[in-house]
Amino acid sequence: MSETTLTIFRCRACGEALFPARYRCPRCGAADWRDEDAPSGVTEESTVVRHRVGALGAGDIHLATVRTDAGAVVIARLDAPASGPVRAGEPVLLTIDNAKRVLARPR
């Protein structure tokens, strides 16, 4: 499975950083964006999804809200942490997999 660096979108008019892309900036209304790599960030919150409809026995999914170093906030799937849950304030590396999922790994 190959992975690529997460790319966020920054408004050229006001500098607002967003993910995913939007047609217009929610802050200023402009429609002029530039791509910016966001390879890392800091965990703000995390949770575990234990029950999913149609996925009996599929196992837990760990999710986190991550503020990228570029400023945008993303929801990322965490590698099942062997050392326990990822806590707020912990740094993570961000990538996107072939299925277009945002993945976070502890640094």
PDB file of N, CA and C in Angstrom:
ATOM      1  N   MET A   1       0.844  -1.173   0.000  1.00  0.00           N
ATOM      2  CA  MET A   1       0.000   0.000   0.000  1.00  0.00           C
ATOM      3  C   MET A   1       0.891   1.239   0.000  1.00  0.00           C
ATOM      4  N   SER A   2       0.698   2.123  -0.959  1.00  0.00           N
ATOM      5  CA  SER A   2       1.503   3.340  -0.977  1.00  0.00           C
ATOM      6  C   SER A   2       0.731   4.470  -0.300  1.00  0.00           C
ATOM      7  N   GLU A   3       1.470   5.408   0.209  1.00  0.00           N
ATOM      8  CA  GLU A   3       0.873   6.548   0.897  1.00  0.00           C
ATOM      9  C   GLU A   3       1.521   7.820   0.391  1.00  0.00           C
ATOM     10  N   THR A   4       0.766   8.904   0.452  1.00  0.00           N
ATOM     11  CA  THR A   4       1.270  10.206   0.045  1.00  0.00           C
ATOM     12  C   THR A   4       1.079  11.190   1.190  1.00  0.00           C
ATOM     13  N   THR A   5       1.795  12.291   1.119  1.00  0.00           N
ATOM     14  CA  THR A   5       1.681  13.331   2.133  1.00  0.00           C
ATOM     15  C   THR A   5       0.318  13.997   2.050  1.00  0.00           C
ATOM     16  N   LEU A   6      -0.243  14.317   3.195  1.00  0.00           N
ATOM     17  CA  LEU A   6      -1.507  15.040   3.252  1.00  0.00           C
ATOM     18  C   LEU A   6      -1.304  16.440   2.676  1.00  0.00           C
ATOM     19  N   THR A   7      -2.224  16.874   1.824  1.00  0.00           N
ATOM     20  CA  THR A   7      -2.199  18.221   1.266  1.00  0.00           C
ATOM     21  C   THR A   7      -3.424  18.977   1.759  1.00  0.00           C
ATOM     22  N   ILE A   8      -3.212  20.151   2.338  1.00  0.00           N
ATOM     23  CA  ILE A   8      -4.331  21.013   2.744  1.00  0.00           C
ATOM     24  C   ILE A   8      -4.432  22.146   1.733  1.00  0.00           C
ATOM     25  N   PHE A   9      -5.441  22.982   1.904  1.00  0.00           N
ATOM     26  CA  PHE A   9      -5.703  24.060   0.949  1.00  0.00           C
ATOM     27  C   PHE A   9      -5.720  25.377   1.703  1.00  0.00           C
ATOM     28  N   ARG A  10      -4.930  26.353   1.200  1.00  0.00           N
ATOM     29  CA  ARG A  10      -4.820  27.653   1.854  1.00  0.00           C
ATOM     30  C   ARG A  10      -5.370  28.727   0.922  1.00  0.00           C
ATOM     31  N   CYS A  11      -6.265  29.559   1.448  1.00  0.00           N
ATOM     32  CA  CYS A  11      -6.852  30.654   0.678  1.00  0.00           C
ATOM     33  C   CYS A  11      -5.770  31.694   0.386  1.00  0.00           C
ATOM     34  N   ARG A  12      -5.625  32.040  -0.869  1.00  0.00           N
ATOM     35  CA  ARG A  12      -4.620  33.045  -1.246  1.00  0.00           C
ATOM     36  C   ARG A  12      -5.021  34.441  -0.779  1.00  0.00           C
ATOM     37  N   ALA A  13      -6.308  34.678  -0.595  1.00  0.00           N
ATOM     38  CA  ALA A  13      -6.778  36.019  -0.215  1.00  0.00           C
ATOM     39  C   ALA A  13      -6.589  36.304   1.279  1.00  0.00           C
ATOM     40  N   CYS A  14      -6.968  35.335   2.148  1.00  0.00           N
ATOM     41  CA  CYS A  14      -6.927  35.615   3.589  1.00  0.00           C
ATOM     42  C   CYS A  14      -6.026  34.681   4.387  1.00  0.00           C
ATOM     43  N   GLY A  15      -5.541  33.590   3.767  1.00  0.00           N
ATOM     44  CA  GLY A  15      -4.637  32.676   4.455  1.00  0.00           C
ATOM     45  C   GLY A  15      -5.305  31.562   5.236  1.00  0.00           C
ATOM     46  N   GLU A  16      -6.639  31.457   5.209  1.00  0.00           N
ATOM     47  CA  GLU A  16      -7.348  30.384   5.912  1.00  0.00           C
ATOM     48  C   GLU A  16      -6.894  29.017   5.390  1.00  0.00           C
ATOM     49  N   ALA A  17      -6.582  28.088   6.305  1.00  0.00           N
ATOM     50  CA  ALA A  17      -6.158  26.736   5.937  1.00  0.00           C
ATOM     51  C   ALA A  17      -7.316  25.773   6.156  1.00  0.00           C
ATOM     52  N   LEU A  18      -7.626  24.955   5.133  1.00  0.00           N
ATOM     53  CA  LEU A  18      -8.783  24.071   5.196  1.00  0.00           C
ATOM     54  C   LEU A  18      -8.475  22.678   4.666  1.00  0.00           C
ATOM     55  N   PHE A  19      -9.243  21.715   5.150  1.00  0.00           N
ATOM     56  CA  PHE A  19      -9.261  20.373   4.600  1.00  0.00           C
ATOM     57  C   PHE A  19     -10.605  19.782   4.975  1.00  0.00           C
ATOM     58  N   PRO A  20     -11.320  19.192   4.032  1.00  0.00           N
ATOM     59  CA  PRO A  20     -11.008  19.029   2.615  1.00  0.00           C
ATOM     60  C   PRO A  20     -11.220  20.326   1.849  1.00  0.00           C
ATOM     61  N   ALA A  21     -10.954  20.271   0.549  1.00  0.00           N
ATOM     62  CA  ALA A  21     -11.095  21.456  -0.307  1.00  0.00           C
ATOM     63  C   ALA A  21     -12.542  21.936  -0.325  1.00  0.00           C
ATOM     64  N   ARG A  22     -12.704  23.224  -0.522  1.00  0.00           N
ATOM     65  CA  ARG A  22     -14.029  23.823  -0.659  1.00  0.00           C
ATOM     66  C   ARG A  22     -14.015  24.719  -1.887  1.00  0.00           C
ATOM     67  N   TYR A  23     -15.189  24.999  -2.400  1.00  0.00           N
ATOM     68  CA  TYR A  23     -15.258  25.860  -3.575  1.00  0.00           C
ATOM     69  C   TYR A  23     -14.898  27.295  -3.194  1.00  0.00           C
ATOM     70  N   ARG A  24     -15.454  27.786  -2.083  1.00  0.00           N
ATOM     71  CA  ARG A  24     -15.188  29.149  -1.614  1.00  0.00           C
ATOM     72  C   ARG A  24     -14.697  29.124  -0.180  1.00  0.00           C
ATOM     73  N   CYS A  25     -13.883  30.096   0.156  1.00  0.00           N
ATOM     74  CA  CYS A  25     -13.351  30.229   1.517  1.00  0.00           C
ATOM     75  C   CYS A  25     -14.480  30.650   2.464  1.00  0.00           C
ATOM     76  N   PRO A  26     -14.661  29.934   3.580  1.00  0.00           N
ATOM     77  CA  PRO A  26     -15.718  30.313   4.521  1.00  0.00           C
ATOM     78  C   PRO A  26     -15.420  31.615   5.268  1.00  0.00           C
ATOM     79  N   ARG A  27     -14.166  32.031   5.265  1.00  0.00           N
ATOM     80  CA  ARG A  27     -13.802  33.267   5.968  1.00  0.00           C
ATOM     81  C   ARG A  27     -14.010  34.502   5.095  1.00  0.00           C
ATOM     82  N   CYS A  28     -13.543  34.461   3.834  1.00  0.00           N
ATOM     83  CA  CYS A  28     -13.588  35.681   3.013  1.00  0.00           C
ATOM     84  C   CYS A  28     -14.381  35.541   1.716  1.00  0.00           C
ATOM     85  N   GLY A  29     -14.755  34.307   1.337  1.00  0.00           N
ATOM     86  CA  GLY A  29     -15.545  34.104   0.131  1.00  0.00           C
ATOM     87  C   GLY A  29     -14.741  33.955  -1.147  1.00  0.00           C
ATOM     88  N   ALA A  30     -13.430  34.066  -1.072  1.00  0.00           N
ATOM     89  CA  ALA A  30     -12.593  33.942  -2.270  1.00  0.00           C
ATOM     90  C   ALA A  30     -12.598  32.492  -2.760  1.00  0.00           C
ATOM     91  N   ALA A  31     -12.264  32.327  -4.032  1.00  0.00           N
ATOM     92  CA  ALA A  31     -12.188  30.980  -4.621  1.00  0.00           C
ATOM     93  C   ALA A  31     -10.817  30.769  -5.242  1.00  0.00           C
ATOM     94  N   ASP A  32      -9.773  31.205  -4.541  1.00  0.00           N
ATOM     95  CA  ASP A  32      -8.404  31.113  -5.035  1.00  0.00           C
ATOM     96  C   ASP A  32      -7.565  30.397  -3.985  1.00  0.00           C
ATOM     97  N   TRP A  33      -7.158  29.141  -4.288  1.00  0.00           N
ATOM     98  CA  TRP A  33      -6.488  28.293  -3.321  1.00  0.00           C
ATOM     99  C   TRP A  33      -5.095  27.910  -3.776  1.00  0.00           C
ATOM    100  N   ARG A  34      -4.236  27.626  -2.812  1.00  0.00           N
ATOM    101  CA  ARG A  34      -2.948  27.006  -3.128  1.00  0.00           C
ATOM    102  C   ARG A  34      -2.822  25.761  -2.260  1.00  0.00           C
ATOM    103  N   ASP A  35      -2.203  24.740  -2.817  1.00  0.00           N
ATOM    104  CA  ASP A  35      -1.961  23.497  -2.090  1.00  0.00           C
ATOM    105  C   ASP A  35      -0.752  23.673  -1.177  1.00  0.00           C
ATOM    106  N   GLU A  36      -0.820  23.022  -0.026  1.00  0.00           N
ATOM    107  CA  GLU A  36       0.289  23.093   0.932  1.00  0.00           C
ATOM    108  C   GLU A  36       0.416  21.739   1.624  1.00  0.00           C
ATOM    109  N   ASP A  37       1.600  21.189   1.661  1.00  0.00           N
ATOM    110  CA  ASP A  37       1.827  19.926   2.354  1.00  0.00           C
ATOM    111  C   ASP A  37       1.640  20.104   3.855  1.00  0.00           C
ATOM    112  N   ALA A  38       1.041  19.091   4.473  1.00  0.00           N
ATOM    113  CA  ALA A  38       0.842  19.087   5.923  1.00  0.00           C
ATOM    114  C   ALA A  38       1.252  17.701   6.442  1.00  0.00           C
ATOM    115  N   PRO A  39       2.559  17.449   6.549  1.00  0.00           N
ATOM    116  CA  PRO A  39       3.026  16.113   6.906  1.00  0.00           C
ATOM    117  C   PRO A  39       2.903  15.764   8.386  1.00  0.00           C
ATOM    118  N   SER A  40       2.564  16.727   9.228  1.00  0.00           N
ATOM    119  CA  SER A  40       2.497  16.423  10.657  1.00  0.00           C
ATOM    120  C   SER A  40       1.538  17.366  11.362  1.00  0.00           C
ATOM    121  N   GLY A  41       1.245  17.019  12.623  1.00  0.00           N
ATOM    122  CA  GLY A  41       0.350  17.835  13.425  1.00  0.00           C
ATOM    123  C   GLY A  41       0.353  17.363  14.859  1.00  0.00           C
ATOM    124  N   VAL A  42      -0.613  17.877  15.632  1.00  0.00           N
ATOM    125  CA  VAL A  42      -0.735  17.551  17.047  1.00  0.00           C
ATOM    126  C   VAL A  42      -2.162  17.075  17.310  1.00  0.00           C
ATOM    127  N   THR A  43      -2.301  15.977  18.041  1.00  0.00           N
ATOM    128  CA  THR A  43      -3.608  15.422  18.367  1.00  0.00           C
ATOM    129  C   THR A  43      -4.339  16.347  19.331  1.00  0.00           C
ATOM    130  N   GLU A  44      -5.605  16.665  18.990  1.00  0.00           N
ATOM    131  CA  GLU A  44      -6.437  17.452  19.898  1.00  0.00           C
ATOM    132  C   GLU A  44      -7.370  16.559  20.709  1.00  0.00           C
ATOM    133  N   GLU A  45      -7.937  15.533  20.051  1.00  0.00           N
ATOM    134  CA  GLU A  45      -8.826  14.581  20.708  1.00  0.00           C
ATOM    135  C   GLU A  45      -8.688  13.238  20.017  1.00  0.00           C
ATOM    136  N   SER A  46      -9.065  12.163  20.725  1.00  0.00           N
ATOM    137  CA  SER A  46      -9.093  10.845  20.084  1.00  0.00           C
ATOM    138  C   SER A  46     -10.252  10.039  20.642  1.00  0.00           C
ATOM    139  N   THR A  47     -10.684   9.056  19.854  1.00  0.00           N
ATOM    140  CA  THR A  47     -11.782   8.185  20.265  1.00  0.00           C
ATOM    141  C   THR A  47     -11.599   6.823  19.609  1.00  0.00           C
ATOM    142  N   VAL A  48     -12.383   5.849  20.073  1.00  0.00           N
ATOM    143  CA  VAL A  48     -12.354   4.508  19.502  1.00  0.00           C
ATOM    144  C   VAL A  48     -13.771   4.150  19.068  1.00  0.00           C
ATOM    145  N   VAL A  49     -13.928   3.723  17.816  1.00  0.00           N
ATOM    146  CA  VAL A  49     -15.209   3.238  17.314  1.00  0.00           C
ATOM    147  C   VAL A  49     -15.185   1.722  17.467  1.00  0.00           C
ATOM    148  N   ARG A  50     -16.056   1.211  18.307  1.00  0.00           N
ATOM    149  CA  ARG A  50     -16.062  -0.228  18.596  1.00  0.00           C
ATOM    150  C   ARG A  50     -17.138  -0.989  17.834  1.00  0.00           C
ATOM    151  N   HIS A  51     -18.218  -0.344  17.474  1.00  0.00           N
ATOM    152  CA  HIS A  51     -19.333  -1.005  16.785  1.00  0.00           C
ATOM    153  C   HIS A  51     -19.651  -0.244  15.510  1.00  0.00           C
ATOM    154  N   ARG A  52     -19.631  -0.963  14.383  1.00  0.00           N
ATOM    155  CA  ARG A  52     -19.967  -0.364  13.091  1.00  0.00           C
ATOM    156  C   ARG A  52     -21.005  -1.230  12.403  1.00  0.00           C
ATOM    157  N   VAL A  53     -22.027  -0.602  11.860  1.00  0.00           N
ATOM    158  CA  VAL A  53     -23.078  -1.331  11.152  1.00  0.00           C
ATOM    159  C   VAL A  53     -22.459  -2.062   9.964  1.00  0.00           C
ATOM    160  N   GLY A  54     -22.773  -3.350   9.841  1.00  0.00           N
ATOM    161  CA  GLY A  54     -22.288  -4.143   8.717  1.00  0.00           C
ATOM    162  C   GLY A  54     -20.833  -4.562   8.811  1.00  0.00           C
ATOM    163  N   ALA A  55     -20.191  -4.348   9.951  1.00  0.00           N
ATOM    164  CA  ALA A  55     -18.764  -4.688  10.084  1.00  0.00           C
ATOM    165  C   ALA A  55     -18.543  -5.545  11.320  1.00  0.00           C
ATOM    166  N   LEU A  56     -19.372  -6.560  11.495  1.00  0.00           N
ATOM    167  CA  LEU A  56     -19.234  -7.422  12.666  1.00  0.00           C
ATOM    168  C   LEU A  56     -17.860  -8.075  12.697  1.00  0.00           C
ATOM    169  N   GLY A  57     -17.224  -7.998  13.838  1.00  0.00           N
ATOM    170  CA  GLY A  57     -15.931  -8.633  14.020  1.00  0.00           C
ATOM    171  C   GLY A  57     -14.779  -7.952  13.299  1.00  0.00           C
ATOM    172  N   ALA A  58     -15.008  -6.743  12.781  1.00  0.00           N
ATOM    173  CA  ALA A  58     -13.960  -6.052  12.024  1.00  0.00           C
ATOM    174  C   ALA A  58     -12.922  -5.397  12.926  1.00  0.00           C
ATOM    175  N   GLY A  59     -13.196  -5.303  14.205  1.00  0.00           N
ATOM    176  CA  GLY A  59     -12.230  -4.703  15.122  1.00  0.00           C
ATOM    177  C   GLY A  59     -12.463  -3.218  15.331  1.00  0.00           C
ATOM    178  N   ASP A  60     -11.759  -2.690  16.294  1.00  0.00           N
ATOM    179  CA  ASP A  60     -11.882  -1.278  16.654  1.00  0.00           C
ATOM    180  C   ASP A  60     -11.190  -0.389  15.629  1.00  0.00           C
ATOM    181  N   ILE A  61     -11.698   0.838  15.504  1.00  0.00           N
ATOM    182  CA  ILE A  61     -11.041   1.854  14.693  1.00  0.00           C
ATOM    183  C   ILE A  61     -10.733   3.036  15.611  1.00  0.00           C
ATOM    184  N   HIS A  62      -9.482   3.439  15.635  1.00  0.00           N
ATOM    185  CA  HIS A  62      -9.041   4.571  16.443  1.00  0.00           C
ATOM    186  C   HIS A  62      -9.029   5.811  15.548  1.00  0.00           C
ATOM    187  N   LEU A  63      -9.698   6.881  16.010  1.00  0.00           N
ATOM    188  CA  LEU A  63      -9.762   8.136  15.261  1.00  0.00           C
ATOM    189  C   LEU A  63      -9.237   9.273  16.117  1.00  0.00           C
ATOM    190  N   ALA A  64      -8.718  10.305  15.455  1.00  0.00           N
ATOM    191  CA  ALA A  64      -8.229  11.474  16.181  1.00  0.00           C
ATOM    192  C   ALA A  64      -8.528  12.744  15.398  1.00  0.00           C
ATOM    193  N   THR A  65      -8.797  13.804  16.140  1.00  0.00           N
ATOM    194  CA  THR A  65      -8.852  15.140  15.569  1.00  0.00           C
ATOM    195  C   THR A  65      -7.434  15.687  15.674  1.00  0.00           C
ATOM    196  N   VAL A  66      -6.867  16.093  14.527  1.00  0.00           N
ATOM    197  CA  VAL A  66      -5.479  16.545  14.495  1.00  0.00           C
ATOM    198  C   VAL A  66      -5.417  17.949  13.907  1.00  0.00           C
ATOM    199  N   ARG A  67      -4.753  18.855  14.626  1.00  0.00           N
ATOM    200  CA  ARG A  67      -4.473  20.187  14.074  1.00  0.00           C
ATOM    201  C   ARG A  67      -3.130  20.089  13.377  1.00  0.00           C
ATOM    202  N   THR A  68      -3.155  20.246  12.053  1.00  0.00           N
ATOM    203  CA  THR A  68      -1.917  20.140  11.288  1.00  0.00           C
ATOM    204  C   THR A  68      -0.997  21.304  11.620  1.00  0.00           C
ATOM    205  N   ASP A  69       0.290  21.124  11.358  1.00  0.00           N
ATOM    206  CA  ASP A  69       1.244  22.209  11.566  1.00  0.00           C
ATOM    207  C   ASP A  69       0.932  23.384  10.645  1.00  0.00           C
ATOM    208  N   ALA A  70       0.188  23.124   9.562  1.00  0.00           N
ATOM    209  CA  ALA A  70      -0.220  24.185   8.634  1.00  0.00           C
ATOM    210  C   ALA A  70      -1.468  24.920   9.126  1.00  0.00           C
ATOM    211  N   GLY A  71      -2.133  24.407  10.178  1.00  0.00           N
ATOM    212  CA  GLY A  71      -3.272  25.098  10.762  1.00  0.00           C
ATOM    213  C   GLY A  71      -4.626  24.460  10.530  1.00  0.00           C
ATOM    214  N   ALA A  72      -4.795  23.668   9.483  1.00  0.00           N
ATOM    215  CA  ALA A  72      -6.076  23.022   9.210  1.00  0.00           C
ATOM    216  C   ALA A  72      -6.308  21.882  10.201  1.00  0.00           C
ATOM    217  N   VAL A  73      -7.573  21.593  10.485  1.00  0.00           N
ATOM    218  CA  VAL A  73      -7.939  20.496  11.362  1.00  0.00           C
ATOM    219  C   VAL A  73      -8.472  19.347  10.513  1.00  0.00           C
ATOM    220  N   VAL A  74      -7.993  18.117  10.782  1.00  0.00           N
ATOM    221  CA  VAL A  74      -8.423  16.931  10.044  1.00  0.00           C
ATOM    222  C   VAL A  74      -8.826  15.832  11.023  1.00  0.00           C
ATOM    223  N   ILE A  75      -9.701  14.941  10.567  1.00  0.00           N
ATOM    224  CA  ILE A  75     -10.022  13.729  11.306  1.00  0.00           C
ATOM    225  C   ILE A  75      -9.196  12.619  10.665  1.00  0.00           C
ATOM    226  N   ALA A  76      -8.400  11.934  11.458  1.00  0.00           N
ATOM    227  CA  ALA A  76      -7.479  10.926  10.930  1.00  0.00           C
ATOM    228  C   ALA A  76      -7.697   9.582  11.609  1.00  0.00           C
ATOM    229  N   ARG A  77      -7.443   8.537  10.857  1.00  0.00           N
ATOM    230  CA  ARG A  77      -7.466   7.180  11.397  1.00  0.00           C
ATOM    231  C   ARG A  77      -6.088   6.914  11.990  1.00  0.00           C
ATOM    232  N   LEU A  78      -6.066   6.438  13.233  1.00  0.00           N
ATOM    233  CA  LEU A  78      -4.808   6.159  13.917  1.00  0.00           C
ATOM    234  C   LEU A  78      -4.423   4.706  13.755  1.00  0.00           C
ATOM    235  N   ASP A  79      -3.138   4.451  13.653  1.00  0.00           N
ATOM    236  CA  ASP A  79      -2.668   3.079  13.785  1.00  0.00           C
ATOM    237  C   ASP A  79      -3.083   2.635  15.180  1.00  0.00           C
ATOM    238  N   ALA A  80      -3.547   1.396  15.315  1.00  0.00           N
ATOM    239  CA  ALA A  80      -3.918   0.895  16.642  1.00  0.00           C
ATOM    240  C   ALA A  80      -2.702   1.012  17.546  1.00  0.00           C
ATOM    241  N   PRO A  81      -2.738   1.940  18.475  1.00  0.00           N
ATOM    242  CA  PRO A  81      -1.557   2.190  19.297  1.00  0.00           C
ATOM    243  C   PRO A  81      -1.256   1.037  20.256  1.00  0.00           C
ATOM    244  N   ALA A  82      -0.072   0.484  20.140  1.00  0.00           N
ATOM    245  CA  ALA A  82       0.352  -0.613  21.006  1.00  0.00           C
ATOM    246  C   ALA A  82       0.603  -0.121  22.431  1.00  0.00           C
ATOM    247  N   SER A  83       0.969   1.143  22.553  1.00  0.00           N
ATOM    248  CA  SER A  83       1.297   1.690  23.865  1.00  0.00           C
ATOM    249  C   SER A  83       0.097   2.355  24.533  1.00  0.00           C
ATOM    250  N   GLY A  84      -1.098   2.132  24.017  1.00  0.00           N
ATOM    251  CA  GLY A  84      -2.290   2.746  24.595  1.00  0.00           C
ATOM    252  C   GLY A  84      -2.799   3.868  23.712  1.00  0.00           C
ATOM    253  N   PRO A  85      -3.854   4.543  24.157  1.00  0.00           N
ATOM    254  CA  PRO A  85      -4.463   5.589  23.332  1.00  0.00           C
ATOM    255  C   PRO A  85      -3.538   6.787  23.132  1.00  0.00           C
ATOM    256  N   VAL A  86      -3.709   7.445  22.000  1.00  0.00           N
ATOM    257  CA  VAL A  86      -2.976   8.678  21.741  1.00  0.00           C
ATOM    258  C   VAL A  86      -3.670   9.794  22.518  1.00  0.00           C
ATOM    259  N   ARG A  87      -2.907  10.576  23.214  1.00  0.00           N
ATOM    260  CA  ARG A  87      -3.474  11.626  24.068  1.00  0.00           C
ATOM    261  C   ARG A  87      -3.372  12.995  23.398  1.00  0.00           C
ATOM    262  N   ALA A  88      -4.197  13.915  23.873  1.00  0.00           N
ATOM    263  CA  ALA A  88      -4.163  15.294  23.379  1.00  0.00           C
ATOM    264  C   ALA A  88      -2.764  15.861  23.564  1.00  0.00           C
ATOM    265  N   GLY A  89      -2.293  16.549  22.536  1.00  0.00           N
ATOM    266  CA  GLY A  89      -0.978  17.166  22.582  1.00  0.00           C
ATOM    267  C   GLY A  89       0.133  16.324  22.005  1.00  0.00           C
ATOM    268  N   GLU A  90      -0.152  15.052  21.682  1.00  0.00           N
ATOM    269  CA  GLU A  90       0.887  14.184  21.123  1.00  0.00           C
ATOM    270  C   GLU A  90       1.086  14.478  19.638  1.00  0.00           C
ATOM    271  N   PRO A  91       2.333  14.591  19.195  1.00  0.00           N
ATOM    272  CA  PRO A  91       2.615  14.841  17.776  1.00  0.00           C
ATOM    273  C   PRO A  91       2.409  13.584  16.938  1.00  0.00           C
ATOM    274  N   VAL A  92       1.909  13.768  15.702  1.00  0.00           N
ATOM    275  CA  VAL A  92       1.684  12.652  14.779  1.00  0.00           C
ATOM    276  C   VAL A  92       2.162  13.032  13.375  1.00  0.00           C
ATOM    277  N   LEU A  93       2.462  12.010  12.586  1.00  0.00           N
ATOM    278  CA  LEU A  93       2.778  12.181  11.165  1.00  0.00           C
ATOM    279  C   LEU A  93       1.514  11.874  10.381  1.00  0.00           C
ATOM    280  N   LEU A  94       1.241  12.624   9.310  1.00  0.00           N
ATOM    281  CA  LEU A  94       0.005  12.486   8.537  1.00  0.00           C
ATOM    282  C   LEU A  94       0.289  12.066   7.106  1.00  0.00           C
ATOM    283  N   THR A  95      -0.493  11.095   6.611  1.00  0.00           N
ATOM    284  CA  THR A  95      -0.410  10.657   5.223  1.00  0.00           C
ATOM    285  C   THR A  95      -1.820  10.347   4.732  1.00  0.00           C
ATOM    286  N   ILE A  96      -1.936  10.092   3.424  1.00  0.00           N
ATOM    287  CA  ILE A  96      -3.190   9.629   2.823  1.00  0.00           C
ATOM    288  C   ILE A  96      -2.885   8.315   2.126  1.00  0.00           C
ATOM    289  N   ASP A  97      -3.746   7.298   2.354  1.00  0.00           N
ATOM    290  CA  ASP A  97      -3.513   5.986   1.735  1.00  0.00           C
ATOM    291  C   ASP A  97      -4.253   5.875   0.406  1.00  0.00           C
ATOM    292  N   ASN A  98      -4.146   4.710  -0.236  1.00  0.00           N
ATOM    293  CA  ASN A  98      -4.786   4.486  -1.535  1.00  0.00           C
ATOM    294  C   ASN A  98      -6.299   4.609  -1.480  1.00  0.00           C
ATOM    295  N   ALA A  99      -6.903   4.352  -0.319  1.00  0.00           N
ATOM    296  CA  ALA A  99      -8.352   4.453  -0.151  1.00  0.00           C
ATOM    297  C   ALA A  99      -8.779   5.884   0.184  1.00  0.00           C
ATOM    298  N   LYS A 100      -7.842   6.838   0.115  1.00  0.00           N
ATOM    299  CA  LYS A 100      -8.093   8.266   0.388  1.00  0.00           C
ATOM    300  C   LYS A 100      -8.435   8.546   1.848  1.00  0.00           C
ATOM    301  N   ARG A 101      -7.936   7.689   2.753  1.00  0.00           N
ATOM    302  CA  ARG A 101      -8.124   7.920   4.188  1.00  0.00           C
ATOM    303  C   ARG A 101      -6.929   8.691   4.739  1.00  0.00           C
ATOM    304  N   VAL A 102      -7.194   9.641   5.622  1.00  0.00           N
ATOM    305  CA  VAL A 102      -6.126  10.346   6.311  1.00  0.00           C
ATOM    306  C   VAL A 102      -5.662   9.444   7.454  1.00  0.00           C
ATOM    307  N   LEU A 103      -4.366   9.159   7.496  1.00  0.00           N
ATOM    308  CA  LEU A 103      -3.782   8.299   8.517  1.00  0.00           C
ATOM    309  C   LEU A 103      -2.846   9.107   9.403  1.00  0.00           C
ATOM    310  N   ALA A 104      -2.856   8.799  10.686  1.00  0.00           N
ATOM    311  CA  ALA A 104      -1.951   9.447  11.642  1.00  0.00           C
ATOM    312  C   ALA A 104      -1.137   8.382  12.339  1.00  0.00           C
ATOM    313  N   ARG A 105       0.166   8.652  12.481  1.00  0.00           N
ATOM    314  CA  ARG A 105       1.072   7.748  13.200  1.00  0.00           C
ATOM    315  C   ARG A 105       1.854   8.576  14.214  1.00  0.00           C
ATOM    316  N   PRO A 106       1.983   8.049  15.429  1.00  0.00           N
ATOM    317  CA  PRO A 106       2.793   8.786  16.407  1.00  0.00           C
ATOM    318  C   PRO A 106       4.197   9.040  15.854  1.00  0.00           C
ATOM    319  N   ARG A 107       4.740  10.211  16.164  1.00  0.00           N
ATOM    320  CA  ARG A 107       6.113  10.549  15.717  1.00  0.00           C
ATOM    321  C   ARG A 107       7.115   9.827  16.551  1.00  0.00           C
TER     322      ARG A 107
END
